[in-house]
Amino acid sequence: MQALHDAPWIGTDKGRYAATKWYPFGQQHEGHFYAGKDVRVIFADEPEQVVVVTLYVYFNQRTEP
């Protein structure tokens, strides 16, 4: 997942982390046009693997991050 590699990790509660990355979208979703989207990943950094807990996608009108 590119957001984990490119976005800064921010500590959250319960020892988890969050990373958010903006992507251009330029399409319609459920009848509305959106220029971009933010993908936010909530995850745990375990000793042998990264475990994704939740993935959020926020559509928006921004054209650049």
PDB file of N, CA and C in Angstrom:
ATOM      1  N   MET A   1       0.846  -1.175   0.000  1.00  0.00           N
ATOM      2  CA  MET A   1       0.000   0.000   0.000  1.00  0.00           C
ATOM      3  C   MET A   1       0.891   1.238   0.000  1.00  0.00           C
ATOM      4  N   GLN A   2       0.716   2.052  -0.998  1.00  0.00           N
ATOM      5  CA  GLN A   2       1.578   3.211  -1.221  1.00  0.00           C
ATOM      6  C   GLN A   2       1.497   4.233  -0.088  1.00  0.00           C
ATOM      7  N   ALA A   3       0.340   4.402   0.527  1.00  0.00           N
ATOM      8  CA  ALA A   3       0.202   5.369   1.624  1.00  0.00           C
ATOM      9  C   ALA A   3       1.123   5.018   2.783  1.00  0.00           C
ATOM     10  N   LEU A   4       1.319   3.740   3.063  1.00  0.00           N
ATOM     11  CA  LEU A   4       2.217   3.335   4.144  1.00  0.00           C
ATOM     12  C   LEU A   4       3.668   3.666   3.833  1.00  0.00           C
ATOM     13  N   HIS A   5       4.043   3.596   2.576  1.00  0.00           N
ATOM     14  CA  HIS A   5       5.434   3.850   2.183  1.00  0.00           C
ATOM     15  C   HIS A   5       5.738   5.332   2.012  1.00  0.00           C
ATOM     16  N   ASP A   6       4.769   6.111   1.512  1.00  0.00           N
ATOM     17  CA  ASP A   6       5.026   7.502   1.148  1.00  0.00           C
ATOM     18  C   ASP A   6       4.620   8.528   2.198  1.00  0.00           C
ATOM     19  N   ALA A   7       3.579   8.267   2.962  1.00  0.00           N
ATOM     20  CA  ALA A   7       3.052   9.248   3.913  1.00  0.00           C
ATOM     21  C   ALA A   7       3.716   9.087   5.282  1.00  0.00           C
ATOM     22  N   PRO A   8       3.835  10.194   6.024  1.00  0.00           N
ATOM     23  CA  PRO A   8       4.405  10.088   7.377  1.00  0.00           C
ATOM     24  C   PRO A   8       3.473   9.316   8.299  1.00  0.00           C
ATOM     25  N   TRP A   9       4.060   8.557   9.206  1.00  0.00           N
ATOM     26  CA  TRP A   9       3.292   7.798  10.185  1.00  0.00           C
ATOM     27  C   TRP A   9       3.018   8.689  11.390  1.00  0.00           C
ATOM     28  N   ILE A  10       1.784   8.716  11.838  1.00  0.00           N
ATOM     29  CA  ILE A  10       1.385   9.513  12.991  1.00  0.00           C
ATOM     30  C   ILE A  10       0.841   8.555  14.043  1.00  0.00           C
ATOM     31  N   GLY A  11       1.360   8.647  15.253  1.00  0.00           N
ATOM     32  CA  GLY A  11       0.903   7.778  16.331  1.00  0.00           C
ATOM     33  C   GLY A  11      -0.534   8.074  16.717  1.00  0.00           C
ATOM     34  N   THR A  12      -1.314   7.034  16.984  1.00  0.00           N
ATOM     35  CA  THR A  12      -2.695   7.171  17.448  1.00  0.00           C
ATOM     36  C   THR A  12      -2.813   6.408  18.760  1.00  0.00           C
ATOM     37  N   ASP A  13      -4.027   6.119  19.167  1.00  0.00           N
ATOM     38  CA  ASP A  13      -4.207   5.388  20.424  1.00  0.00           C
ATOM     39  C   ASP A  13      -3.953   3.895  20.253  1.00  0.00           C
ATOM     40  N   LYS A  14      -3.813   3.204  21.356  1.00  0.00           N
ATOM     41  CA  LYS A  14      -3.647   1.747  21.397  1.00  0.00           C
ATOM     42  C   LYS A  14      -2.411   1.276  20.640  1.00  0.00           C
ATOM     43  N   GLY A  15      -1.384   2.122  20.532  1.00  0.00           N
ATOM     44  CA  GLY A  15      -0.152   1.724  19.861  1.00  0.00           C
ATOM     45  C   GLY A  15      -0.259   1.601  18.357  1.00  0.00           C
ATOM     46  N   ARG A  16      -1.280   2.182  17.771  1.00  0.00           N
ATOM     47  CA  ARG A  16      -1.454   2.114  16.326  1.00  0.00           C
ATOM     48  C   ARG A  16      -0.933   3.386  15.673  1.00  0.00           C
ATOM     49  N   TYR A  17      -0.883   3.346  14.354  1.00  0.00           N
ATOM     50  CA  TYR A  17      -0.412   4.480  13.563  1.00  0.00           C
ATOM     51  C   TYR A  17      -1.428   4.791  12.474  1.00  0.00           C
ATOM     52  N   ALA A  18      -1.318   6.011  11.925  1.00  0.00           N
ATOM     53  CA  ALA A  18      -2.150   6.420  10.794  1.00  0.00           C
ATOM     54  C   ALA A  18      -1.249   7.042   9.743  1.00  0.00           C
ATOM     55  N   ALA A  19      -1.576   6.836   8.503  1.00  0.00           N
ATOM     56  CA  ALA A  19      -0.878   7.455   7.370  1.00  0.00           C
ATOM     57  C   ALA A  19      -1.933   7.870   6.358  1.00  0.00           C
ATOM     58  N   THR A  20      -1.828   9.119   5.853  1.00  0.00           N
ATOM     59  CA  THR A  20      -2.810   9.628   4.897  1.00  0.00           C
ATOM     60  C   THR A  20      -2.103  10.138   3.653  1.00  0.00           C
ATOM     61  N   LYS A  21      -2.579   9.722   2.492  1.00  0.00           N
ATOM     62  CA  LYS A  21      -2.002  10.151   1.221  1.00  0.00           C
ATOM     63  C   LYS A  21      -3.130  10.590   0.289  1.00  0.00           C
ATOM     64  N   TRP A  22      -2.911  11.713  -0.403  1.00  0.00           N
ATOM     65  CA  TRP A  22      -3.866  12.237  -1.374  1.00  0.00           C
ATOM     66  C   TRP A  22      -3.543  11.663  -2.748  1.00  0.00           C
ATOM     67  N   TYR A  23      -4.589  11.336  -3.500  1.00  0.00           N
ATOM     68  CA  TYR A  23      -4.451  10.840  -4.870  1.00  0.00           C
ATOM     69  C   TYR A  23      -5.379  11.629  -5.787  1.00  0.00           C
ATOM     70  N   PRO A  24      -4.974  11.914  -7.008  1.00  0.00           N
ATOM     71  CA  PRO A  24      -5.916  12.501  -7.959  1.00  0.00           C
ATOM     72  C   PRO A  24      -6.976  11.453  -8.294  1.00  0.00           C
ATOM     73  N   PHE A  25      -8.216  11.888  -8.483  1.00  0.00           N
ATOM     74  CA  PHE A  25      -9.302  10.956  -8.785  1.00  0.00           C
ATOM     75  C   PHE A  25      -9.974  11.327 -10.102  1.00  0.00           C
ATOM     76  N   GLY A  26     -10.526  12.541 -10.202  1.00  0.00           N
ATOM     77  CA  GLY A  26     -11.087  13.037 -11.453  1.00  0.00           C
ATOM     78  C   GLY A  26     -12.195  12.198 -12.047  1.00  0.00           C
ATOM     79  N   GLN A  27     -13.076  11.657 -11.197  1.00  0.00           N
ATOM     80  CA  GLN A  27     -14.169  10.811 -11.673  1.00  0.00           C
ATOM     81  C   GLN A  27     -15.424  11.081 -10.861  1.00  0.00           C
ATOM     82  N   GLN A  28     -16.506  10.459 -11.310  1.00  0.00           N
ATOM     83  CA  GLN A  28     -17.746  10.534 -10.552  1.00  0.00           C
ATOM     84  C   GLN A  28     -17.835   9.350  -9.604  1.00  0.00           C
ATOM     85  N   HIS A  29     -18.399   9.610  -8.452  1.00  0.00           N
ATOM     86  CA  HIS A  29     -18.671   8.561  -7.474  1.00  0.00           C
ATOM     87  C   HIS A  29     -20.039   8.840  -6.872  1.00  0.00           C
ATOM     88  N   GLU A  30     -20.963   7.915  -7.041  1.00  0.00           N
ATOM     89  CA  GLU A  30     -22.334   8.045  -6.555  1.00  0.00           C
ATOM     90  C   GLU A  30     -22.973   9.367  -6.991  1.00  0.00           C
ATOM     91  N   GLY A  31     -22.774   9.721  -8.259  1.00  0.00           N
ATOM     92  CA  GLY A  31     -23.424  10.876  -8.855  1.00  0.00           C
ATOM     93  C   GLY A  31     -22.749  12.220  -8.638  1.00  0.00           C
ATOM     94  N   HIS A  32     -21.605  12.243  -7.990  1.00  0.00           N
ATOM     95  CA  HIS A  32     -20.877  13.490  -7.747  1.00  0.00           C
ATOM     96  C   HIS A  32     -19.467  13.373  -8.317  1.00  0.00           C
ATOM     97  N   PHE A  33     -18.977  14.485  -8.880  1.00  0.00           N
ATOM     98  CA  PHE A  33     -17.621  14.513  -9.411  1.00  0.00           C
ATOM     99  C   PHE A  33     -16.655  14.904  -8.295  1.00  0.00           C
ATOM    100  N   TYR A  34     -15.559  14.172  -8.188  1.00  0.00           N
ATOM    101  CA  TYR A  34     -14.528  14.454  -7.181  1.00  0.00           C
ATOM    102  C   TYR A  34     -13.171  14.562  -7.860  1.00  0.00           C
ATOM    103  N   ALA A  35     -12.453  15.615  -7.543  1.00  0.00           N
ATOM    104  CA  ALA A  35     -11.135  15.840  -8.139  1.00  0.00           C
ATOM    105  C   ALA A  35     -10.073  14.953  -7.510  1.00  0.00           C
ATOM    106  N   GLY A  36     -10.198  14.671  -6.214  1.00  0.00           N
ATOM    107  CA  GLY A  36      -9.181  13.879  -5.535  1.00  0.00           C
ATOM    108  C   GLY A  36      -9.778  13.040  -4.432  1.00  0.00           C
ATOM    109  N   LYS A  37      -8.906  12.266  -3.801  1.00  0.00           N
ATOM    110  CA  LYS A  37      -9.335  11.469  -2.659  1.00  0.00           C
ATOM    111  C   LYS A  37      -8.158  11.312  -1.702  1.00  0.00           C
ATOM    112  N   ASP A  38      -8.468  11.290  -0.427  1.00  0.00           N
ATOM    113  CA  ASP A  38      -7.486  11.001   0.606  1.00  0.00           C
ATOM    114  C   ASP A  38      -7.695   9.566   1.048  1.00  0.00           C
ATOM    115  N   VAL A  39      -6.618   8.809   1.108  1.00  0.00           N
ATOM    116  CA  VAL A  39      -6.673   7.446   1.609  1.00  0.00           C
ATOM    117  C   VAL A  39      -5.954   7.450   2.954  1.00  0.00           C
ATOM    118  N   ARG A  40      -6.689   7.086   4.012  1.00  0.00           N
ATOM    119  CA  ARG A  40      -6.117   7.053   5.362  1.00  0.00           C
ATOM    120  C   ARG A  40      -6.108   5.617   5.846  1.00  0.00           C
ATOM    121  N   VAL A  41      -4.935   5.168   6.259  1.00  0.00           N
ATOM    122  CA  VAL A  41      -4.747   3.802   6.724  1.00  0.00           C
ATOM    123  C   VAL A  41      -4.457   3.840   8.220  1.00  0.00           C
ATOM    124  N   ILE A  42      -5.187   3.050   8.994  1.00  0.00           N
ATOM    125  CA  ILE A  42      -4.913   2.861  10.413  1.00  0.00           C
ATOM    126  C   ILE A  42      -4.304   1.469  10.527  1.00  0.00           C
ATOM    127  N   PHE A  43      -3.140   1.380  11.181  1.00  0.00           N
ATOM    128  CA  PHE A  43      -2.431   0.105  11.182  1.00  0.00           C
ATOM    129  C   PHE A  43      -1.603  -0.079  12.442  1.00  0.00           C
ATOM    130  N   ALA A  44      -1.178  -1.306  12.658  1.00  0.00           N
ATOM    131  CA  ALA A  44      -0.277  -1.664  13.756  1.00  0.00           C
ATOM    132  C   ALA A  44       1.032  -2.143  13.145  1.00  0.00           C
ATOM    133  N   ASP A  45       2.131  -1.680  13.694  1.00  0.00           N
ATOM    134  CA  ASP A  45       3.460  -2.083  13.215  1.00  0.00           C
ATOM    135  C   ASP A  45       3.973  -3.206  14.114  1.00  0.00           C
ATOM    136  N   GLU A  46       3.654  -4.435  13.733  1.00  0.00           N
ATOM    137  CA  GLU A  46       4.056  -5.613  14.497  1.00  0.00           C
ATOM    138  C   GLU A  46       5.502  -5.980  14.153  1.00  0.00           C
ATOM    139  N   PRO A  47       6.170  -6.760  15.006  1.00  0.00           N
ATOM    140  CA  PRO A  47       7.575  -7.093  14.748  1.00  0.00           C
ATOM    141  C   PRO A  47       7.845  -7.745  13.391  1.00  0.00           C
ATOM    142  N   GLU A  48       6.929  -8.583  12.918  1.00  0.00           N
ATOM    143  CA  GLU A  48       7.173  -9.299  11.667  1.00  0.00           C
ATOM    144  C   GLU A  48       6.314  -8.835  10.503  1.00  0.00           C
ATOM    145  N   GLN A  49       5.339  -7.928  10.765  1.00  0.00           N
ATOM    146  CA  GLN A  49       4.454  -7.493   9.687  1.00  0.00           C
ATOM    147  C   GLN A  49       3.710  -6.225  10.088  1.00  0.00           C
ATOM    148  N   VAL A  50       3.163  -5.551   9.103  1.00  0.00           N
ATOM    149  CA  VAL A  50       2.275  -4.414   9.326  1.00  0.00           C
ATOM    150  C   VAL A  50       0.851  -4.926   9.153  1.00  0.00           C
ATOM    151  N   VAL A  51       0.008  -4.675  10.155  1.00  0.00           N
ATOM    152  CA  VAL A  51      -1.367  -5.158  10.127  1.00  0.00           C
ATOM    153  C   VAL A  51      -2.295  -3.969   9.912  1.00  0.00           C
ATOM    154  N   VAL A  52      -2.990  -3.948   8.780  1.00  0.00           N
ATOM    155  CA  VAL A  52      -3.941  -2.876   8.488  1.00  0.00           C
ATOM    156  C   VAL A  52      -5.217  -3.158   9.271  1.00  0.00           C
ATOM    157  N   VAL A  53      -5.625  -2.161  10.078  1.00  0.00           N
ATOM    158  CA  VAL A  53      -6.808  -2.302  10.917  1.00  0.00           C
ATOM    159  C   VAL A  53      -8.027  -1.711  10.217  1.00  0.00           C
ATOM    160  N   THR A  54      -7.872  -0.498   9.666  1.00  0.00           N
ATOM    161  CA  THR A  54      -8.982   0.195   9.006  1.00  0.00           C
ATOM    162  C   THR A  54      -8.449   1.002   7.841  1.00  0.00           C
ATOM    163  N   LEU A  55      -9.237   1.112   6.789  1.00  0.00           N
ATOM    164  CA  LEU A  55      -8.888   1.916   5.629  1.00  0.00           C
ATOM    165  C   LEU A  55     -10.054   2.855   5.339  1.00  0.00           C
ATOM    166  N   TYR A  56      -9.773   4.165   5.306  1.00  0.00           N
ATOM    167  CA  TYR A  56     -10.782   5.173   5.005  1.00  0.00           C
ATOM    168  C   TYR A  56     -10.448   5.821   3.669  1.00  0.00           C
ATOM    169  N   VAL A  57     -11.482   6.152   2.889  1.00  0.00           N
ATOM    170  CA  VAL A  57     -11.309   6.922   1.656  1.00  0.00           C
ATOM    171  C   VAL A  57     -12.241   8.120   1.742  1.00  0.00           C
ATOM    172  N   TYR A  58     -11.652   9.319   1.620  1.00  0.00           N
ATOM    173  CA  TYR A  58     -12.410  10.566   1.664  1.00  0.00           C
ATOM    174  C   TYR A  58     -12.298  11.237   0.295  1.00  0.00           C
ATOM    175  N   PHE A  59     -13.407  11.311  -0.431  1.00  0.00           N
ATOM    176  CA  PHE A  59     -13.417  12.001  -1.714  1.00  0.00           C
ATOM    177  C   PHE A  59     -13.500  13.498  -1.456  1.00  0.00           C
ATOM    178  N   ASN A  60     -12.825  14.308  -2.302  1.00  0.00           N
ATOM    179  CA  ASN A  60     -12.801  15.746  -2.081  1.00  0.00           C
ATOM    180  C   ASN A  60     -12.639  16.490  -3.397  1.00  0.00           C
ATOM    181  N   GLN A  61     -12.649  17.806  -3.333  1.00  0.00           N
ATOM    182  CA  GLN A  61     -12.534  18.661  -4.508  1.00  0.00           C
ATOM    183  C   GLN A  61     -11.127  19.239  -4.700  1.00  0.00           C
ATOM    184  N   ARG A  62     -10.195  18.886  -3.848  1.00  0.00           N
ATOM    185  CA  ARG A  62      -8.833  19.403  -3.997  1.00  0.00           C
ATOM    186  C   ARG A  62      -8.200  18.855  -5.256  1.00  0.00           C
ATOM    187  N   THR A  63      -7.397  19.671  -5.902  1.00  0.00           N
ATOM    188  CA  THR A  63      -6.700  19.228  -7.120  1.00  0.00           C
ATOM    189  C   THR A  63      -5.236  18.930  -6.841  1.00  0.00           C
ATOM    190  N   GLU A  64      -4.749  19.298  -5.672  1.00  0.00           N
ATOM    191  CA  GLU A  64      -3.378  18.988  -5.250  1.00  0.00           C
ATOM    192  C   GLU A  64      -3.398  18.732  -3.754  1.00  0.00           C
ATOM    193  N   PRO A  65      -2.436  17.956  -3.263  1.00  0.00           N
ATOM    194  CA  PRO A  65      -2.419  17.665  -1.812  1.00  0.00           C
ATOM    195  C   PRO A  65      -2.217  18.897  -0.956  1.00  0.00           C
TER     196      PRO A  65
END
